[in-house]
PDB file of N, CA and C in Angstrom:
ATOM      1  N   UNK A   1     121.703  74.665  64.551  1.00  0.00           N
ATOM      2  CA  UNK A   1     121.284  73.355  65.010  1.00  0.00           C
ATOM      3  C   UNK A   1     120.275  73.367  66.010  1.00  0.00           C
ATOM      4  N   UNK A   2     119.151  72.452  66.026  1.00  0.00           N
ATOM      5  CA  UNK A   2     117.724  72.638  67.095  1.00  0.00           C
ATOM      6  C   UNK A   2     117.769  71.059  67.816  1.00  0.00           C
ATOM      7  N   UNK A   3     117.395  70.981  69.046  1.00  0.00           N
ATOM      8  CA  UNK A   3     117.639  69.976  69.848  1.00  0.00           C
ATOM      9  C   UNK A   3     116.147  69.929  70.454  1.00  0.00           C
ATOM     10  N   UNK A   4     115.647  68.821  70.634  1.00  0.00           N
ATOM     11  CA  UNK A   4     114.414  68.352  71.062  1.00  0.00           C
ATOM     12  C   UNK A   4     114.268  67.645  72.344  1.00  0.00           C
ATOM     13  N   UNK A   5     113.657  67.695  73.285  1.00  0.00           N
ATOM     14  CA  UNK A   5     113.804  66.797  74.359  1.00  0.00           C
ATOM     15  C   UNK A   5     112.110  66.956  75.007  1.00  0.00           C
ATOM     16  N   UNK A   6     111.523  65.858  75.701  1.00  0.00           N
ATOM     17  CA  UNK A   6     110.257  65.907  76.127  1.00  0.00           C
ATOM     18  C   UNK A   6     110.444  66.481  77.496  1.00  0.00           C
ATOM     19  N   UNK A   7     109.468  66.869  78.355  1.00  0.00           N
ATOM     20  CA  UNK A   7     109.174  67.574  79.614  1.00  0.00           C
ATOM     21  C   UNK A   7     107.450  66.819  79.716  1.00  0.00           C
ATOM     22  N   UNK A   8     107.664  66.821  81.140  1.00  0.00           N
ATOM     23  CA  UNK A   8     106.218  66.260  81.804  1.00  0.00           C
ATOM     24  C   UNK A   8     105.492  67.404  82.736  1.00  0.00           C
ATOM     25  N   UNK A   9     104.198  67.468  82.629  1.00  0.00           N
ATOM     26  CA  UNK A   9     103.924  68.682  83.545  1.00  0.00           C
ATOM     27  C   UNK A   9     103.622  68.226  84.739  1.00  0.00           C
ATOM     28  N   UNK A  10     103.887  68.619  85.731  1.00  0.00           N
ATOM     29  CA  UNK A  10     104.102  67.758  87.125  1.00  0.00           C
ATOM     30  C   UNK A  10     102.684  68.872  87.786  1.00  0.00           C
ATOM     31  N   UNK A  11     102.668  69.872  87.379  1.00  0.00           N
ATOM     32  CA  UNK A  11     101.286  70.774  88.541  1.00  0.00           C
ATOM     33  C   UNK A  11     100.533  70.140  88.214  1.00  0.00           C
ATOM     34  N   UNK A  12      99.207  70.036  89.434  1.00  0.00           N
ATOM     35  CA  UNK A  12      98.199  69.503  89.224  1.00  0.00           C
ATOM     36  C   UNK A  12      97.115  69.891  88.341  1.00  0.00           C
ATOM     37  N   UNK A  13      97.055  71.328  88.239  1.00  0.00           N
ATOM     38  CA  UNK A  13      96.370  72.095  87.658  1.00  0.00           C
ATOM     39  C   UNK A  13      96.920  71.986  85.899  1.00  0.00           C
ATOM     40  N   UNK A  14      97.663  71.688  85.551  1.00  0.00           N
ATOM     41  CA  UNK A  14      98.341  71.223  84.309  1.00  0.00           C
ATOM     42  C   UNK A  14      99.035  72.850  84.110  1.00  0.00           C
ATOM     43  N   UNK A  15      99.567  72.875  82.752  1.00  0.00           N
ATOM     44  CA  UNK A  15     100.073  74.547  82.238  1.00  0.00           C
ATOM     45  C   UNK A  15      99.565  75.582  82.470  1.00  0.00           C
ATOM     46  N   UNK A  16      99.503  76.100  83.673  1.00  0.00           N
ATOM     47  CA  UNK A  16      98.295  77.041  83.686  1.00  0.00           C
ATOM     48  C   UNK A  16      98.885  78.460  83.715  1.00  0.00           C
ATOM     49  N   UNK A  17      98.367  79.527  84.211  1.00  0.00           N
ATOM     50  CA  UNK A  17      99.055  81.010  83.998  1.00  0.00           C
ATOM     51  C   UNK A  17     100.365  80.999  84.661  1.00  0.00           C
ATOM     52  N   UNK A  18     100.530  80.484  86.001  1.00  0.00           N
ATOM     53  CA  UNK A  18     101.445  80.811  86.840  1.00  0.00           C
ATOM     54  C   UNK A  18     103.224  80.138  86.210  1.00  0.00           C
ATOM     55  N   UNK A  19     102.656  78.820  86.023  1.00  0.00           N
ATOM     56  CA  UNK A  19     103.716  77.973  85.498  1.00  0.00           C
ATOM     57  C   UNK A  19     104.218  78.609  83.954  1.00  0.00           C
ATOM     58  N   UNK A  20     103.275  79.155  82.930  1.00  0.00           N
ATOM     59  CA  UNK A  20     103.738  79.547  81.749  1.00  0.00           C
ATOM     60  C   UNK A  20     104.296  81.224  82.097  1.00  0.00           C
ATOM     61  N   UNK A  21     103.885  82.025  83.180  1.00  0.00           N
ATOM     62  CA  UNK A  21     104.570  83.035  83.334  1.00  0.00           C
ATOM     63  C   UNK A  21     106.237  83.008  83.580  1.00  0.00           C
ATOM     64  N   UNK A  22     105.838  82.053  84.555  1.00  0.00           N
ATOM     65  CA  UNK A  22     107.332  81.850  84.824  1.00  0.00           C
ATOM     66  C   UNK A  22     108.316  81.403  83.824  1.00  0.00           C
ATOM     67  N   UNK A  23     107.980  80.203  82.768  1.00  0.00           N
ATOM     68  CA  UNK A  23     108.732  80.263  81.675  1.00  0.00           C
ATOM     69  C   UNK A  23     108.749  81.416  80.579  1.00  0.00           C
ATOM     70  N   UNK A  24     108.090  81.897  80.505  1.00  0.00           N
ATOM     71  CA  UNK A  24     107.846  83.050  79.397  1.00  0.00           C
ATOM     72  C   UNK A  24     108.870  83.827  80.137  1.00  0.00           C
ATOM     73  N   UNK A  25     109.109  84.396  81.416  1.00  0.00           N
ATOM     74  CA  UNK A  25     109.971  85.008  82.087  1.00  0.00           C
ATOM     75  C   UNK A  25     111.367  84.823  82.000  1.00  0.00           C
ATOM     76  N   UNK A  26     111.426  83.539  82.069  1.00  0.00           N
ATOM     77  CA  UNK A  26     113.051  82.813  81.744  1.00  0.00           C
ATOM     78  C   UNK A  26     113.123  82.972  80.566  1.00  0.00           C
ATOM     79  N   UNK A  27     112.269  82.809  79.435  1.00  0.00           N
ATOM     80  CA  UNK A  27     112.513  82.459  78.010  1.00  0.00           C
ATOM     81  C   UNK A  27     113.134  84.328  77.149  1.00  0.00           C
ATOM     82  N   UNK A  28     112.129  84.977  78.006  1.00  0.00           N
ATOM     83  CA  UNK A  28     112.259  86.049  77.458  1.00  0.00           C
ATOM     84  C   UNK A  28     113.710  87.180  77.846  1.00  0.00           C
ATOM     85  N   UNK A  29     113.587  87.109  79.623  1.00  0.00           N
ATOM     86  CA  UNK A  29     114.948  87.679  79.789  1.00  0.00           C
ATOM     87  C   UNK A  29     116.040  86.974  79.318  1.00  0.00           C
ATOM     88  N   UNK A  30     116.037  85.996  79.012  1.00  0.00           N
ATOM     89  CA  UNK A  30     117.810  85.307  78.430  1.00  0.00           C
ATOM     90  C   UNK A  30     117.701  85.390  76.816  1.00  0.00           C
ATOM     91  N   UNK A  31     116.873  85.749  76.073  1.00  0.00           N
ATOM     92  CA  UNK A  31     116.511  86.040  74.629  1.00  0.00           C
ATOM     93  C   UNK A  31     116.917  84.313  73.968  1.00  0.00           C
ATOM     94  N   UNK A  32     115.948  83.675  74.317  1.00  0.00           N
ATOM     95  CA  UNK A  32     116.299  82.506  74.048  1.00  0.00           C
ATOM     96  C   UNK A  32     114.990  82.426  73.101  1.00  0.00           C
ATOM     97  N   UNK A  33     115.003  81.534  71.942  1.00  0.00           N
ATOM     98  CA  UNK A  33     114.294  80.916  71.071  1.00  0.00           C
ATOM     99  C   UNK A  33     113.643  79.410  71.255  1.00  0.00           C
ATOM    100  N   UNK A  34     112.295  79.059  71.746  1.00  0.00           N
ATOM    101  CA  UNK A  34     112.007  78.121  71.849  1.00  0.00           C
ATOM    102  C   UNK A  34     110.486  77.810  71.521  1.00  0.00           C
ATOM    103  N   UNK A  35     110.469  76.576  71.009  1.00  0.00           N
ATOM    104  CA  UNK A  35     109.110  75.883  70.554  1.00  0.00           C
ATOM    105  C   UNK A  35     108.558  75.054  71.707  1.00  0.00           C
ATOM    106  N   UNK A  36     106.987  74.583  72.297  1.00  0.00           N
ATOM    107  CA  UNK A  36     106.691  73.958  72.550  1.00  0.00           C
ATOM    108  C   UNK A  36     105.562  73.138  71.629  1.00  0.00           C
ATOM    109  N   UNK A  37     105.554  71.926  71.856  1.00  0.00           N
ATOM    110  CA  UNK A  37     104.820  71.329  71.063  1.00  0.00           C
ATOM    111  C   UNK A  37     103.844  70.021  72.049  1.00  0.00           C
ATOM    112  N   UNK A  38     102.034  70.472  71.686  1.00  0.00           N
ATOM    113  CA  UNK A  38     101.888  69.420  72.425  1.00  0.00           C
ATOM    114  C   UNK A  38     100.289  68.682  71.883  1.00  0.00           C
ATOM    115  N   UNK A  39      99.922  67.670  71.711  1.00  0.00           N
ATOM    116  CA  UNK A  39      99.279  67.433  70.841  1.00  0.00           C
ATOM    117  C   UNK A  39      99.038  67.680  69.361  1.00  0.00           C
ATOM    118  N   UNK A  40      99.824  67.789  68.754  1.00  0.00           N
ATOM    119  CA  UNK A  40      99.573  68.186  67.491  1.00  0.00           C
ATOM    120  C   UNK A  40      99.711  69.699  67.184  1.00  0.00           C
ATOM    121  N   UNK A  41     100.264  70.471  68.281  1.00  0.00           N
ATOM    122  CA  UNK A  41     100.167  71.879  68.287  1.00  0.00           C
ATOM    123  C   UNK A  41     101.437  72.488  68.883  1.00  0.00           C
ATOM    124  N   UNK A  42     101.598  73.139  67.817  1.00  0.00           N
ATOM    125  CA  UNK A  42     103.319  74.098  68.446  1.00  0.00           C
ATOM    126  C   UNK A  42     103.104  75.475  68.374  1.00  0.00           C
ATOM    127  N   UNK A  43     103.588  76.004  69.681  1.00  0.00           N
ATOM    128  CA  UNK A  43     103.218  77.239  69.789  1.00  0.00           C
ATOM    129  C   UNK A  43     104.922  77.804  70.339  1.00  0.00           C
ATOM    130  N   UNK A  44     105.111  79.234  70.026  1.00  0.00           N
ATOM    131  CA  UNK A  44     106.188  79.834  70.859  1.00  0.00           C
ATOM    132  C   UNK A  44     106.151  79.855  72.403  1.00  0.00           C
ATOM    133  N   UNK A  45     107.547  79.792  72.815  1.00  0.00           N
ATOM    134  CA  UNK A  45     107.443  79.422  74.090  1.00  0.00           C
ATOM    135  C   UNK A  45     107.418  81.105  74.676  1.00  0.00           C
ATOM    136  N   UNK A  46     107.436  81.914  74.324  1.00  0.00           N
ATOM    137  CA  UNK A  46     107.760  83.352  74.535  1.00  0.00           C
ATOM    138  C   UNK A  46     106.577  83.826  74.870  1.00  0.00           C
ATOM    139  N   UNK A  47     105.046  83.690  74.858  1.00  0.00           N
ATOM    140  CA  UNK A  47     104.209  84.064  74.906  1.00  0.00           C
ATOM    141  C   UNK A  47     103.233  82.995  75.615  1.00  0.00           C
ATOM    142  N   UNK A  48     102.818  83.653  76.854  1.00  0.00           N
ATOM    143  CA  UNK A  48     101.899  83.130  78.148  1.00  0.00           C
ATOM    144  C   UNK A  48     100.719  82.922  77.344  1.00  0.00           C
ATOM    145  N   UNK A  49     100.047  83.473  76.209  1.00  0.00           N
ATOM    146  CA  UNK A  49      98.532  82.826  75.684  1.00  0.00           C
ATOM    147  C   UNK A  49      99.105  82.086  74.871  1.00  0.00           C
ATOM    148  N   UNK A  50      99.720  81.957  74.093  1.00  0.00           N
ATOM    149  CA  UNK A  50     100.207  80.422  73.178  1.00  0.00           C
ATOM    150  C   UNK A  50     100.314  79.371  74.239  1.00  0.00           C
ATOM    151  N   UNK A  51     101.040  79.419  75.146  1.00  0.00           N
ATOM    152  CA  UNK A  51     101.463  78.836  76.202  1.00  0.00           C
ATOM    153  C   UNK A  51     100.244  78.069  76.415  1.00  0.00           C
ATOM    154  N   UNK A  52      99.324  78.850  77.046  1.00  0.00           N
ATOM    155  CA  UNK A  52      98.123  78.372  77.668  1.00  0.00           C
ATOM    156  C   UNK A  52      97.101  77.915  76.483  1.00  0.00           C
ATOM    157  N   UNK A  53      97.180  78.334  75.352  1.00  0.00           N
ATOM    158  CA  UNK A  53      96.229  77.241  74.346  1.00  0.00           C
ATOM    159  C   UNK A  53      96.748  76.207  74.123  1.00  0.00           C
ATOM    160  N   UNK A  54      97.567  75.552  74.640  1.00  0.00           N
ATOM    161  CA  UNK A  54      98.014  74.158  74.477  1.00  0.00           C
ATOM    162  C   UNK A  54      96.944  73.221  75.584  1.00  0.00           C
ATOM    163  N   UNK A  55      96.489  73.935  76.304  1.00  0.00           N
ATOM    164  CA  UNK A  55      95.794  73.303  77.311  1.00  0.00           C
ATOM    165  C   UNK A  55      96.336  72.012  77.845  1.00  0.00           C
ATOM    166  N   UNK A  56      97.610  72.034  78.154  1.00  0.00           N
ATOM    167  CA  UNK A  56      98.282  70.894  78.571  1.00  0.00           C
ATOM    168  C   UNK A  56      97.594  70.396  80.011  1.00  0.00           C
ATOM    169  N   UNK A  57      97.219  69.508  80.302  1.00  0.00           N
ATOM    170  CA  UNK A  57      97.044  68.994  81.814  1.00  0.00           C
ATOM    171  C   UNK A  57      97.921  68.316  82.174  1.00  0.00           C
ATOM    172  N   UNK A  58      97.787  67.799  83.576  1.00  0.00           N
ATOM    173  CA  UNK A  58      98.779  67.327  84.938  1.00  0.00           C
ATOM    174  C   UNK A  58      99.130  66.168  83.933  1.00  0.00           C
ATOM    175  N   UNK A  59     100.655  65.924  83.681  1.00  0.00           N
ATOM    176  CA  UNK A  59     100.669  64.431  83.459  1.00  0.00           C
ATOM    177  C   UNK A  59     101.205  64.501  81.673  1.00  0.00           C
ATOM    178  N   UNK A  60     100.763  65.523  80.951  1.00  0.00           N
ATOM    179  CA  UNK A  60     100.999  65.606  79.581  1.00  0.00           C
ATOM    180  C   UNK A  60     102.575  65.957  79.446  1.00  0.00           C
ATOM    181  N   UNK A  61     102.697  65.310  78.246  1.00  0.00           N
ATOM    182  CA  UNK A  61     104.278  64.964  77.346  1.00  0.00           C
ATOM    183  C   UNK A  61     104.448  66.167  76.627  1.00  0.00           C
ATOM    184  N   UNK A  62     105.317  67.069  77.370  1.00  0.00           N
ATOM    185  CA  UNK A  62     105.689  68.039  75.882  1.00  0.00           C
ATOM    186  C   UNK A  62     106.833  68.035  75.345  1.00  0.00           C
ATOM    187  N   UNK A  63     107.065  68.278  73.825  1.00  0.00           N
ATOM    188  CA  UNK A  63     108.097  68.473  73.476  1.00  0.00           C
ATOM    189  C   UNK A  63     108.609  69.581  73.031  1.00  0.00           C
ATOM    190  N   UNK A  64     109.807  69.804  73.847  1.00  0.00           N
ATOM    191  CA  UNK A  64     110.420  71.432  73.789  1.00  0.00           C
ATOM    192  C   UNK A  64     111.352  71.684  72.798  1.00  0.00           C
ATOM    193  N   UNK A  65     111.447  72.395  71.589  1.00  0.00           N
ATOM    194  CA  UNK A  65     112.673  72.386  71.000  1.00  0.00           C
ATOM    195  C   UNK A  65     113.440  73.743  70.838  1.00  0.00           C
ATOM    196  N   UNK A  66     114.597  73.910  70.728  1.00  0.00           N
ATOM    197  CA  UNK A  66     115.080  74.887  70.800  1.00  0.00           C
ATOM    198  C   UNK A  66     117.232  74.573  70.570  1.00  0.00           C
ATOM    199  N   UNK A  67     117.218  75.566  70.690  1.00  0.00           N
ATOM    200  CA  UNK A  67     119.035  75.819  70.121  1.00  0.00           C
ATOM    201  C   UNK A  67     119.799  74.776  70.940  1.00  0.00           C
ATOM    202  N   UNK A  68     120.276  74.085  70.207  1.00  0.00           N
ATOM    203  CA  UNK A  68     121.125  72.672  70.694  1.00  0.00           C
ATOM    204  C   UNK A  68     122.341  73.076  71.398  1.00  0.00           C
ATOM    205  N   UNK A  69     122.746  74.203  71.231  1.00  0.00           N
ATOM    206  CA  UNK A  69     123.932  74.822  71.794  1.00  0.00           C
ATOM    207  C   UNK A  69     123.766  75.607  73.345  1.00  0.00           C
ATOM    208  N   UNK A  70     122.521  75.685  73.931  1.00  0.00           N
ATOM    209  CA  UNK A  70     122.171  76.315  74.853  1.00  0.00           C
ATOM    210  C   UNK A  70     121.873  75.045  76.087  1.00  0.00           C
ATOM    211  N   UNK A  71     122.819  74.523  76.205  1.00  0.00           N
ATOM    212  CA  UNK A  71     122.685  73.025  77.141  1.00  0.00           C
ATOM    213  C   UNK A  71     122.262  73.510  78.417  1.00  0.00           C
ATOM    214  N   UNK A  72     122.667  74.635  79.193  1.00  0.00           N
ATOM    215  CA  UNK A  72     122.165  75.401  80.150  1.00  0.00           C
ATOM    216  C   UNK A  72     120.536  75.867  80.215  1.00  0.00           C
ATOM    217  N   UNK A  73     120.241  76.185  79.261  1.00  0.00           N
ATOM    218  CA  UNK A  73     118.838  76.692  79.468  1.00  0.00           C
ATOM    219  C   UNK A  73     118.239  75.493  78.761  1.00  0.00           C
ATOM    220  N   UNK A  74     118.602  74.130  78.507  1.00  0.00           N
ATOM    221  CA  UNK A  74     117.810  73.154  78.291  1.00  0.00           C
ATOM    222  C   UNK A  74     117.530  72.740  79.972  1.00  0.00           C
ATOM    223  N   UNK A  75     118.947  72.828  80.576  1.00  0.00           N
ATOM    224  CA  UNK A  75     118.802  71.930  81.821  1.00  0.00           C
ATOM    225  C   UNK A  75     117.626  72.446  82.561  1.00  0.00           C
ATOM    226  N   UNK A  76     117.824  73.747  82.481  1.00  0.00           N
ATOM    227  CA  UNK A  76     116.755  74.842  83.631  1.00  0.00           C
ATOM    228  C   UNK A  76     115.138  74.544  83.188  1.00  0.00           C
ATOM    229  N   UNK A  77     115.435  74.480  82.121  1.00  0.00           N
ATOM    230  CA  UNK A  77     113.595  74.465  81.462  1.00  0.00           C
ATOM    231  C   UNK A  77     113.264  73.019  81.765  1.00  0.00           C
ATOM    232  N   UNK A  78     114.016  71.923  81.884  1.00  0.00           N
ATOM    233  CA  UNK A  78     113.570  70.751  82.660  1.00  0.00           C
ATOM    234  C   UNK A  78     113.436  70.846  83.835  1.00  0.00           C
ATOM    235  N   UNK A  79     114.452  71.415  84.717  1.00  0.00           N
ATOM    236  CA  UNK A  79     114.422  71.604  85.776  1.00  0.00           C
ATOM    237  C   UNK A  79     112.744  72.254  86.340  1.00  0.00           C
ATOM    238  N   UNK A  80     112.588  72.980  85.709  1.00  0.00           N
ATOM    239  CA  UNK A  80     111.328  73.976  85.829  1.00  0.00           C
ATOM    240  C   UNK A  80     110.586  72.998  85.787  1.00  0.00           C
ATOM    241  N   UNK A  81     110.415  72.135  84.807  1.00  0.00           N
ATOM    242  CA  UNK A  81     109.175  71.201  84.649  1.00  0.00           C
ATOM    243  C   UNK A  81     109.146  70.278  85.883  1.00  0.00           C
ATOM    244  N   UNK A  82     110.283  69.714  86.081  1.00  0.00           N
ATOM    245  CA  UNK A  82     110.316  68.973  87.411  1.00  0.00           C
ATOM    246  C   UNK A  82     110.312  68.876  88.759  1.00  0.00           C
ATOM    247  N   UNK A  83     110.563  70.371  88.796  1.00  0.00           N
ATOM    248  CA  UNK A  83     110.166  70.698  89.976  1.00  0.00           C
ATOM    249  C   UNK A  83     108.832  71.657  90.304  1.00  0.00           C
ATOM    250  N   UNK A  84     107.986  71.407  89.360  1.00  0.00           N
ATOM    251  CA  UNK A  84     106.718  72.553  88.984  1.00  0.00           C
ATOM    252  C   UNK A  84     106.912  73.823  88.992  1.00  0.00           C
ATOM    253  N   UNK A  85     107.577  74.160  88.401  1.00  0.00           N
ATOM    254  CA  UNK A  85     107.949  75.885  88.515  1.00  0.00           C
ATOM    255  C   UNK A  85     108.300  76.352  89.461  1.00  0.00           C
ATOM    256  N   UNK A  86     108.324  75.530  90.763  1.00  0.00           N
ATOM    257  CA  UNK A  86     108.906  76.057  92.297  1.00  0.00           C
ATOM    258  C   UNK A  86     107.063  76.595  92.514  1.00  0.00           C
ATOM    259  N   UNK A  87     106.052  76.250  92.266  1.00  0.00           N
ATOM    260  CA  UNK A  87     105.165  76.911  92.805  1.00  0.00           C
ATOM    261  C   UNK A  87     104.504  75.948  94.231  1.00  0.00           C
ATOM    262  N   UNK A  88     105.329  74.390  94.206  1.00  0.00           N
ATOM    263  CA  UNK A  88     104.767  73.778  95.232  1.00  0.00           C
ATOM    264  C   UNK A  88     103.139  73.615  95.613  1.00  0.00           C
ATOM    265  N   UNK A  89     102.588  73.157  94.425  1.00  0.00           N
ATOM    266  CA  UNK A  89     101.424  73.220  94.402  1.00  0.00           C
ATOM    267  C   UNK A  89     100.443  71.993  95.293  1.00  0.00           C
ATOM    268  N   UNK A  90     101.195  71.187  95.530  1.00  0.00           N
ATOM    269  CA  UNK A  90     101.019  69.762  96.519  1.00  0.00           C
ATOM    270  C   UNK A  90     100.885  70.060  97.738  1.00  0.00           C
ATOM    271  N   UNK A  91     101.728  70.878  98.279  1.00  0.00           N
ATOM    272  CA  UNK A  91     102.330  70.974  99.634  1.00  0.00           C
ATOM    273  C   UNK A  91     100.724  71.738 100.514  1.00  0.00           C
ATOM    274  N   UNK A  92     100.662  71.559 101.648  1.00  0.00           N
ATOM    275  CA  UNK A  92      99.686  71.955 102.260  1.00  0.00           C
ATOM    276  C   UNK A  92      99.963  72.830 103.192  1.00  0.00           C
ATOM    277  N   UNK A  93      98.801  73.948 103.283  1.00  0.00           N
ATOM    278  CA  UNK A  93      99.242  75.187 103.873  1.00  0.00           C
ATOM    279  C   UNK A  93      98.722  75.201 105.042  1.00  0.00           C
TER     280      UNK A  93
END
């Protein structure tokens, strides 16, 4: 059974290479099958190039579809988006 949920891109530069890399690393290392959809386009979440092709800007709402039985992974992915993939892009250096 598949479950879908919305996440919002919080990163100032949108869903760029670094957040895509963080997501792909998690997806691949945990053998998760997931798809992301934005603006009528659906891609596999295990490919950085596919994720980048979504061209999702800051504020974009992305639909994530994955196995409904993997509640931990769903929570972790929601958390990645909510916490800007741990990149703290808005922080002053």
